[in-house]
Every structure is written in structure tokens, then in C-alpha cells.
PDB file of all heavy atoms in Angstrom:
ATOM      1  N   SER A   1     113.767 105.258 111.142  1.00  0.00           N
ATOM      2  CA  SER A   1     112.356 104.944 110.844  1.00  0.00           C
ATOM      3  C   SER A   1     111.444 106.073 111.300  1.00  0.00           C
ATOM      4  O   SER A   1     111.759 106.802 112.246  1.00  0.00           O
ATOM      5  CB  SER A   1     111.940 103.658 111.556  1.00  0.00           C
ATOM      6  OG  SER A   1     112.698 102.546 111.130  1.00  0.00           O
ATOM      7  N   LEU A   2     110.331 106.189 110.612  1.00  0.00           N
ATOM      8  CA  LEU A   2     109.251 107.086 111.001  1.00  0.00           C
ATOM      9  C   LEU A   2     107.938 106.395 110.687  1.00  0.00           C
ATOM     10  O   LEU A   2     107.867 105.574 109.751  1.00  0.00           O
ATOM     11  CB  LEU A   2     109.314 108.415 110.240  1.00  0.00           C
ATOM     12  CG  LEU A   2     110.294 109.493 110.703  1.00  0.00           C
ATOM     13  CD1 LEU A   2     110.259 110.655 109.727  1.00  0.00           C
ATOM     14  CD2 LEU A   2     109.991 109.957 112.102  1.00  0.00           C
ATOM     15  N   ARG A   3     106.912 106.769 111.422  1.00  0.00           N
ATOM     16  CA  ARG A   3     105.561 106.268 111.140  1.00  0.00           C
ATOM     17  C   ARG A   3     104.651 107.464 110.945  1.00  0.00           C
ATOM     18  O   ARG A   3     104.466 108.276 111.854  1.00  0.00           O
ATOM     19  CB  ARG A   3     105.047 105.381 112.265  1.00  0.00           C
ATOM     20  CG  ARG A   3     103.740 104.666 111.935  1.00  0.00           C
ATOM     21  CD  ARG A   3     103.332 103.730 113.045  1.00  0.00           C
ATOM     22  NE  ARG A   3     102.144 102.955 112.742  1.00  0.00           N
ATOM     23  CZ  ARG A   3     102.149 101.787 112.100  1.00  0.00           C
ATOM     24  NH1 ARG A   3     103.288 101.238 111.728  1.00  0.00           N
ATOM     25  NH2 ARG A   3     101.004 101.144 111.851  1.00  0.00           N
ATOM     26  N   LEU A   4     104.072 107.556 109.753  1.00  0.00           N
ATOM     27  CA  LEU A   4     103.105 108.603 109.453  1.00  0.00           C
ATOM     28  C   LEU A   4     101.702 108.069 109.665  1.00  0.00           C
ATOM     29  O   LEU A   4     101.428 106.884 109.420  1.00  0.00           O
ATOM     30  CB  LEU A   4     103.256 109.072 108.008  1.00  0.00           C
ATOM     31  CG  LEU A   4     104.646 109.540 107.570  1.00  0.00           C
ATOM     32  CD1 LEU A   4     104.592 110.040 106.130  1.00  0.00           C
ATOM     33  CD2 LEU A   4     105.188 110.596 108.495  1.00  0.00           C
ATOM     34  N   SER A   5     100.823 108.963 110.104  1.00  0.00           N
ATOM     35  CA  SER A   5      99.426 108.583 110.284  1.00  0.00           C
ATOM     36  C   SER A   5      98.525 109.605 109.613  1.00  0.00           C
ATOM     37  O   SER A   5      98.815 110.800 109.603  1.00  0.00           O
ATOM     38  CB  SER A   5      99.105 108.493 111.773  1.00  0.00           C
ATOM     39  OG  SER A   5      97.800 108.004 111.968  1.00  0.00           O
ATOM     40  N   CYS A   6      97.456 109.120 109.039  1.00  0.00           N
ATOM     41  CA  CYS A   6      96.459 109.973 108.400  1.00  0.00           C
ATOM     42  C   CYS A   6      95.113 109.684 109.044  1.00  0.00           C
ATOM     43  O   CYS A   6      94.658 108.535 109.031  1.00  0.00           O
ATOM     44  CB  CYS A   6      96.400 109.681 106.907  1.00  0.00           C
ATOM     45  SG  CYS A   6      95.037 110.463 106.024  1.00  0.00           S
ATOM     46  N   ALA A   7      94.493 110.731 109.574  1.00  0.00           N
ATOM     47  CA  ALA A   7      93.183 110.597 110.190  1.00  0.00           C
ATOM     48  C   ALA A   7      92.137 111.257 109.299  1.00  0.00           C
ATOM     49  O   ALA A   7      92.283 112.426 108.929  1.00  0.00           O
ATOM     50  CB  ALA A   7      93.182 111.246 111.570  1.00  0.00           C
ATOM     51  N   ALA A   8      91.108 110.499 108.955  1.00  0.00           N
ATOM     52  CA  ALA A   8      90.039 111.004 108.094  1.00  0.00           C
ATOM     53  C   ALA A   8      88.840 111.408 108.930  1.00  0.00           C
ATOM     54  O   ALA A   8      88.579 110.840 109.994  1.00  0.00           O
ATOM     55  CB  ALA A   8      89.631 109.930 107.089  1.00  0.00           C
ATOM     56  N   SER A   9      88.102 112.389 108.423  1.00  0.00           N
ATOM     57  CA  SER A   9      86.917 112.881 109.140  1.00  0.00           C
ATOM     58  C   SER A   9      85.700 112.008 108.898  1.00  0.00           C
ATOM     59  O   SER A   9      84.704 112.124 109.636  1.00  0.00           O
ATOM     60  CB  SER A   9      86.614 114.315 108.718  1.00  0.00           C
ATOM     61  OG  SER A   9      86.329 114.366 107.331  1.00  0.00           O
ATOM     62  N   HIS A  10      85.736 111.171 107.875  1.00  0.00           N
ATOM     63  CA  HIS A  10      84.636 110.286 107.554  1.00  0.00           C
ATOM     64  C   HIS A  10      85.162 108.857 107.420  1.00  0.00           C
ATOM     65  O   HIS A  10      86.361 108.636 107.286  1.00  0.00           O
ATOM     66  CB  HIS A  10      83.980 110.698 106.231  1.00  0.00           C
ATOM     67  CG  HIS A  10      83.247 112.002 106.278  1.00  0.00           C
ATOM     68  ND1 HIS A  10      83.878 113.209 106.497  1.00  0.00           N
ATOM     69  CD2 HIS A  10      81.929 112.293 106.129  1.00  0.00           C
ATOM     70  CE1 HIS A  10      82.983 114.174 106.470  1.00  0.00           C
ATOM     71  NE2 HIS A  10      81.794 113.652 106.255  1.00  0.00           N
ATOM     72  N   SER A  11      84.261 107.928 107.416  1.00  0.00           N
ATOM     73  CA  SER A  11      84.632 106.531 107.302  1.00  0.00           C
ATOM     74  C   SER A  11      85.444 106.287 106.035  1.00  0.00           C
ATOM     75  O   SER A  11      85.163 106.847 104.977  1.00  0.00           O
ATOM     76  CB  SER A  11      83.379 105.649 107.274  1.00  0.00           C
ATOM     77  OG  SER A  11      83.738 104.308 107.018  1.00  0.00           O
ATOM     78  N   ILE A  12      86.454 105.438 106.160  1.00  0.00           N
ATOM     79  CA  ILE A  12      87.285 105.070 105.013  1.00  0.00           C
ATOM     80  C   ILE A  12      86.973 103.666 104.523  1.00  0.00           C
ATOM     81  O   ILE A  12      87.618 103.150 103.623  1.00  0.00           O
ATOM     82  CB  ILE A  12      88.795 105.187 105.347  1.00  0.00           C
ATOM     83  CG1 ILE A  12      89.189 104.172 106.432  1.00  0.00           C
ATOM     84  CG2 ILE A  12      89.148 106.602 105.786  1.00  0.00           C
ATOM     85  CD1 ILE A  12      90.684 104.068 106.641  1.00  0.00           C
ATOM     86  N   PHE A  13      85.972 103.041 105.115  1.00  0.00           N
ATOM     87  CA  PHE A  13      85.714 101.613 104.931  1.00  0.00           C
ATOM     88  C   PHE A  13      85.662 101.192 103.463  1.00  0.00           C
ATOM     89  O   PHE A  13      86.240 100.202 103.071  1.00  0.00           O
ATOM     90  CB  PHE A  13      84.407 101.235 105.625  1.00  0.00           C
ATOM     91  CG  PHE A  13      84.046  99.785 105.484  1.00  0.00           C
ATOM     92  CD1 PHE A  13      84.690  98.824 106.259  1.00  0.00           C
ATOM     93  CD2 PHE A  13      83.084  99.361 104.574  1.00  0.00           C
ATOM     94  CE1 PHE A  13      84.373  97.475 106.124  1.00  0.00           C
ATOM     95  CE2 PHE A  13      82.774  98.017 104.435  1.00  0.00           C
ATOM     96  CZ  PHE A  13      83.415  97.078 105.211  1.00  0.00           C
ATOM     97  N   SER A  14      84.967 101.970 102.651  1.00  0.00           N
ATOM     98  CA  SER A  14      84.727 101.551 101.266  1.00  0.00           C
ATOM     99  C   SER A  14      85.666 102.201 100.263  1.00  0.00           C
ATOM    100  O   SER A  14      85.465 102.065  99.048  1.00  0.00           O
ATOM    101  CB  SER A  14      83.288 101.884 100.875  1.00  0.00           C
ATOM    102  OG  SER A  14      82.371 101.225 101.695  1.00  0.00           O
ATOM    103  N   PHE A  15      86.677 102.872 100.750  1.00  0.00           N
ATOM    104  CA  PHE A  15      87.478 103.703  99.854  1.00  0.00           C
ATOM    105  C   PHE A  15      88.958 103.327  99.852  1.00  0.00           C
ATOM    106  O   PHE A  15      89.517 102.936 100.880  1.00  0.00           O
ATOM    107  CB  PHE A  15      87.333 105.174 100.256  1.00  0.00           C
ATOM    108  CG  PHE A  15      85.925 105.659 100.184  1.00  0.00           C
ATOM    109  CD1 PHE A  15      85.149 105.726 101.341  1.00  0.00           C
ATOM    110  CD2 PHE A  15      85.349 106.027  98.986  1.00  0.00           C
ATOM    111  CE1 PHE A  15      83.834 106.158 101.292  1.00  0.00           C
ATOM    112  CE2 PHE A  15      84.042 106.458  98.924  1.00  0.00           C
ATOM    113  CZ  PHE A  15      83.272 106.529 100.090  1.00  0.00           C
ATOM    114  N   ASN A  16      89.551 103.468  98.687  1.00  0.00           N
ATOM    115  CA  ASN A  16      90.999 103.334  98.580  1.00  0.00           C
ATOM    116  C   ASN A  16      91.661 104.543  99.220  1.00  0.00           C
ATOM    117  O   ASN A  16      91.141 105.659  99.144  1.00  0.00           O
ATOM    118  CB  ASN A  16      91.434 103.248  97.121  1.00  0.00           C
ATOM    119  CG  ASN A  16      90.825 102.054  96.411  1.00  0.00           C
ATOM    120  OD1 ASN A  16      90.324 101.127  97.035  1.00  0.00           O
ATOM    121  ND2 ASN A  16      90.870 102.075  95.092  1.00  0.00           N
ATOM    122  N   MET A  17      92.806 104.312  99.819  1.00  0.00           N
ATOM    123  CA  MET A  17      93.559 105.390 100.466  1.00  0.00           C
ATOM    124  C   MET A  17      95.015 105.321  99.995  1.00  0.00           C
ATOM    125  O   MET A  17      95.525 104.237  99.669  1.00  0.00           O
ATOM    126  CB  MET A  17      93.518 105.241 101.985  1.00  0.00           C
ATOM    127  CG  MET A  17      92.150 105.235 102.605  1.00  0.00           C
ATOM    128  SD  MET A  17      91.296 106.823 102.455  1.00  0.00           S
ATOM    129  CE  MET A  17      92.359 107.883 103.431  1.00  0.00           C
ATOM    130  N   GLY A  18      95.670 106.476  99.972  1.00  0.00           N
ATOM    131  CA  GLY A  18      97.053 106.469  99.496  1.00  0.00           C
ATOM    132  C   GLY A  18      97.915 107.514 100.160  1.00  0.00           C
ATOM    133  O   GLY A  18      97.419 108.454 100.797  1.00  0.00           O
ATOM    134  N   TRP A  19      99.206 107.288 100.040  1.00  0.00           N
ATOM    135  CA  TRP A  19     100.216 108.263 100.466  1.00  0.00           C
ATOM    136  C   TRP A  19     101.011 108.691  99.239  1.00  0.00           C
ATOM    137  O   TRP A  19     101.470 107.832  98.455  1.00  0.00           O
ATOM    138  CB  TRP A  19     101.165 107.657 101.498  1.00  0.00           C
ATOM    139  CG  TRP A  19     100.591 107.543 102.872  1.00  0.00           C
ATOM    140  CD1 TRP A  19      99.986 106.467 103.434  1.00  0.00           C
ATOM    141  CD2 TRP A  19     100.583 108.572 103.863  1.00  0.00           C
ATOM    142  NE1 TRP A  19      99.598 106.754 104.715  1.00  0.00           N
ATOM    143  CE2 TRP A  19      99.944 108.038 105.015  1.00  0.00           C
ATOM    144  CE3 TRP A  19     101.046 109.883 103.919  1.00  0.00           C
ATOM    145  CZ2 TRP A  19      99.772 108.780 106.188  1.00  0.00           C
ATOM    146  CZ3 TRP A  19     100.876 110.622 105.086  1.00  0.00           C
ATOM    147  CH2 TRP A  19     100.250 110.061 106.195  1.00  0.00           C
ATOM    148  N   TYR A  20     101.171 109.976  99.093  1.00  0.00           N
ATOM    149  CA  TYR A  20     101.984 110.554  98.027  1.00  0.00           C
ATOM    150  C   TYR A  20     103.081 111.405  98.672  1.00  0.00           C
ATOM    151  O   TYR A  20     102.998 111.734  99.849  1.00  0.00           O
ATOM    152  CB  TYR A  20     101.140 111.448  97.119  1.00  0.00           C
ATOM    153  CG  TYR A  20     100.213 110.716  96.194  1.00  0.00           C
ATOM    154  CD1 TYR A  20      99.095 110.034  96.687  1.00  0.00           C
ATOM    155  CD2 TYR A  20     100.428 110.689  94.821  1.00  0.00           C
ATOM    156  CE1 TYR A  20      98.229 109.353  95.829  1.00  0.00           C
ATOM    157  CE2 TYR A  20      99.570 110.019  93.957  1.00  0.00           C
ATOM    158  CZ  TYR A  20      98.478 109.367  94.472  1.00  0.00           C
ATOM    159  OH  TYR A  20      97.636 108.692  93.614  1.00  0.00           O
ATOM    160  N   ARG A  21     104.064 111.772  97.892  1.00  0.00           N
ATOM    161  CA  ARG A  21     105.096 112.682  98.387  1.00  0.00           C
ATOM    162  C   ARG A  21     105.539 113.619  97.279  1.00  0.00           C
ATOM    163  O   ARG A  21     105.444 113.298  96.093  1.00  0.00           O
ATOM    164  CB  ARG A  21     106.289 111.922  98.948  1.00  0.00           C
ATOM    165  CG  ARG A  21     107.100 111.156  97.914  1.00  0.00           C
ATOM    166  CD  ARG A  21     108.172 110.317  98.606  1.00  0.00           C
ATOM    167  NE  ARG A  21     108.983 109.559  97.670  1.00  0.00           N
ATOM    168  CZ  ARG A  21     109.872 108.643  98.026  1.00  0.00           C
ATOM    169  NH1 ARG A  21     110.060 108.356  99.321  1.00  0.00           N
ATOM    170  NH2 ARG A  21     110.586 108.007  97.102  1.00  0.00           N
ATOM    171  N   GLN A  22     106.037 114.764  97.716  1.00  0.00           N
ATOM    172  CA  GLN A  22     106.553 115.744  96.769  1.00  0.00           C
ATOM    173  C   GLN A  22     107.829 116.351  97.317  1.00  0.00           C
ATOM    174  O   GLN A  22     107.823 116.977  98.384  1.00  0.00           O
ATOM    175  CB  GLN A  22     105.515 116.836  96.490  1.00  0.00           C
ATOM    176  CG  GLN A  22     105.924 117.783  95.383  1.00  0.00           C
ATOM    177  CD  GLN A  22     104.771 118.642  94.898  1.00  0.00           C
ATOM    178  OE1 GLN A  22     103.759 118.810  95.586  1.00  0.00           O
ATOM    179  NE2 GLN A  22     104.909 119.186  93.695  1.00  0.00           N
ATOM    180  N   ALA A  23     108.908 116.123  96.598  1.00  0.00           N
ATOM    181  CA  ALA A  23     110.199 116.706  96.961  1.00  0.00           C
ATOM    182  C   ALA A  23     110.351 118.050  96.262  1.00  0.00           C
ATOM    183  O   ALA A  23     109.709 118.288  95.238  1.00  0.00           O
ATOM    184  CB  ALA A  23     111.324 115.765  96.557  1.00  0.00           C
ATOM    185  N   PRO A  24     111.196 118.931  96.768  1.00  0.00           N
ATOM    186  CA  PRO A  24     111.385 120.245  96.139  1.00  0.00           C
ATOM    187  C   PRO A  24     111.785 120.113  94.678  1.00  0.00           C
ATOM    188  O   PRO A  24     112.686 119.355  94.327  1.00  0.00           O
ATOM    189  CB  PRO A  24     112.520 120.867  96.966  1.00  0.00           C
ATOM    190  CG  PRO A  24     112.421 120.212  98.289  1.00  0.00           C
ATOM    191  CD  PRO A  24     111.973 118.800  98.009  1.00  0.00           C
ATOM    192  N   GLY A  25     111.064 120.836  93.825  1.00  0.00           N
ATOM    193  CA  GLY A  25     111.380 120.823  92.401  1.00  0.00           C
ATOM    194  C   GLY A  25     110.932 119.603  91.651  1.00  0.00           C
ATOM    195  O   GLY A  25     111.221 119.455  90.464  1.00  0.00           O
ATOM    196  N   LYS A  26     110.201 118.726  92.328  1.00  0.00           N
ATOM    197  CA  LYS A  26     109.735 117.501  91.681  1.00  0.00           C
ATOM    198  C   LYS A  26     108.226 117.414  91.723  1.00  0.00           C
ATOM    199  O   LYS A  26     107.566 118.088  92.512  1.00  0.00           O
ATOM    200  CB  LYS A  26     110.362 116.271  92.354  1.00  0.00           C
ATOM    201  CG  LYS A  26     111.861 116.173  92.188  1.00  0.00           C
ATOM    202  CD  LYS A  26     112.374 114.845  92.701  1.00  0.00           C
ATOM    203  CE  LYS A  26     113.870 114.706  92.465  1.00  0.00           C
ATOM    204  NZ  LYS A  26     114.387 113.377  92.937  1.00  0.00           N
ATOM    205  N   GLN A  27     107.688 116.549  90.863  1.00  0.00           N
ATOM    206  CA  GLN A  27     106.250 116.334  90.853  1.00  0.00           C
ATOM    207  C   GLN A  27     105.831 115.438  92.012  1.00  0.00           C
ATOM    208  O   GLN A  27     106.615 114.628  92.511  1.00  0.00           O
ATOM    209  CB  GLN A  27     105.840 115.686  89.519  1.00  0.00           C
ATOM    210  CG  GLN A  27     105.914 116.631  88.325  1.00  0.00           C
ATOM    211  CD  GLN A  27     105.273 116.031  87.088  1.00  0.00           C
ATOM    212  OE1 GLN A  27     105.289 114.821  86.903  1.00  0.00           O
ATOM    213  NE2 GLN A  27     104.702 116.873  86.245  1.00  0.00           N
ATOM    214  N   ARG A  28     104.582 115.578  92.387  1.00  0.00           N
ATOM    215  CA  ARG A  28     104.032 114.696  93.420  1.00  0.00           C
ATOM    216  C   ARG A  28     103.957 113.279  92.855  1.00  0.00           C
ATOM    217  O   ARG A  28     103.541 113.086  91.717  1.00  0.00           O
ATOM    218  CB  ARG A  28     102.650 115.196  93.846  1.00  0.00           C
ATOM    219  CG  ARG A  28     102.114 114.541  95.090  1.00  0.00           C
ATOM    220  CD  ARG A  28     100.856 115.244  95.567  1.00  0.00           C
ATOM    221  NE  ARG A  28     101.111 116.630  95.959  1.00  0.00           N
ATOM    222  CZ  ARG A  28     100.203 117.387  96.579  1.00  0.00           C
ATOM    223  NH1 ARG A  28      99.019 116.912  96.886  1.00  0.00           N
ATOM    224  NH2 ARG A  28     100.508 118.637  96.886  1.00  0.00           N
ATOM    225  N   GLU A  29     104.359 112.315  93.674  1.00  0.00           N
ATOM    226  CA  GLU A  29     104.380 110.931  93.206  1.00  0.00           C
ATOM    227  C   GLU A  29     103.716 110.012  94.222  1.00  0.00           C
ATOM    228  O   GLU A  29     103.743 110.268  95.437  1.00  0.00           O
ATOM    229  CB  GLU A  29     105.819 110.466  92.970  1.00  0.00           C
ATOM    230  CG  GLU A  29     106.694 110.459  94.208  1.00  0.00           C
ATOM    231  CD  GLU A  29     108.078 109.884  93.955  1.00  0.00           C
ATOM    232  OE1 GLU A  29     108.386 109.478  92.824  1.00  0.00           O
ATOM    233  OE2 GLU A  29     108.867 109.818  94.926  1.00  0.00           O
ATOM    234  N   LEU A  30     103.159 108.927  93.705  1.00  0.00           N
ATOM    235  CA  LEU A  30     102.556 107.921  94.567  1.00  0.00           C
ATOM    236  C   LEU A  30     103.651 107.166  95.326  1.00  0.00           C
ATOM    237  O   LEU A  30     104.633 106.722  94.733  1.00  0.00           O
ATOM    238  CB  LEU A  30     101.748 106.931  93.747  1.00  0.00           C
ATOM    239  CG  LEU A  30     101.149 105.752  94.514  1.00  0.00           C
ATOM    240  CD1 LEU A  30     100.072 106.220  95.473  1.00  0.00           C
ATOM    241  CD2 LEU A  30     100.600 104.709  93.536  1.00  0.00           C
ATOM    242  N   VAL A  31     103.443 107.021  96.627  1.00  0.00           N
ATOM    243  CA  VAL A  31     104.357 106.228  97.447  1.00  0.00           C
ATOM    244  C   VAL A  31     103.755 104.849  97.717  1.00  0.00           C
ATOM    245  O   VAL A  31     104.398 103.823  97.483  1.00  0.00           O
ATOM    246  CB  VAL A  31     104.631 106.937  98.800  1.00  0.00           C
ATOM    247  CG1 VAL A  31     105.496 106.048  99.694  1.00  0.00           C
ATOM    248  CG2 VAL A  31     105.280 108.282  98.572  1.00  0.00           C
ATOM    249  N   ALA A  32     102.511 104.838  98.191  1.00  0.00           N
ATOM    250  CA  ALA A  32     101.849 103.580  98.500  1.00  0.00           C
ATOM    251  C   ALA A  32     100.356 103.815  98.527  1.00  0.00           C
ATOM    252  O   ALA A  32      99.895 104.917  98.825  1.00  0.00           O
ATOM    253  CB  ALA A  32     102.329 103.039  99.849  1.00  0.00           C
ATOM    254  N   GLU A  33      99.619 102.766  98.206  1.00  0.00           N
ATOM    255  CA  GLU A  33      98.171 102.851  98.266  1.00  0.00           C
ATOM    256  C   GLU A  33      97.617 101.535  98.780  1.00  0.00           C
ATOM    257  O   GLU A  33      98.246 100.476  98.641  1.00  0.00           O
ATOM    258  CB  GLU A  33      97.579 103.183  96.901  1.00  0.00           C
ATOM    259  CG  GLU A  33      97.927 102.230  95.796  1.00  0.00           C
ATOM    260  CD  GLU A  33      97.462 102.728  94.437  1.00  0.00           C
ATOM    261  OE1 GLU A  33      96.744 103.725  94.377  1.00  0.00           O
ATOM    262  OE2 GLU A  33      97.830 102.092  93.426  1.00  0.00           O
TER     263      GLU A  33
END
């Protein structure tokens, strides 16, 4: 297991947030939002 964290410089209250990933040779893809 791993836990990733994303810290934003401004409030995220009203905004959708997401995690994407990109493997070598592949396109960036949505993981979770």
C-alpha cells in the first residue's frame, strides 16, 4: 500500500479534484476523482 497526498495552494472547497497517472509509453489516464 501507498498513500499519496496533494496539497493545493488555494482553497479546494468548491472544486473537483482528481488523480491521474501516466506509465512509460502510455497516455495519461484518470485514476480517481
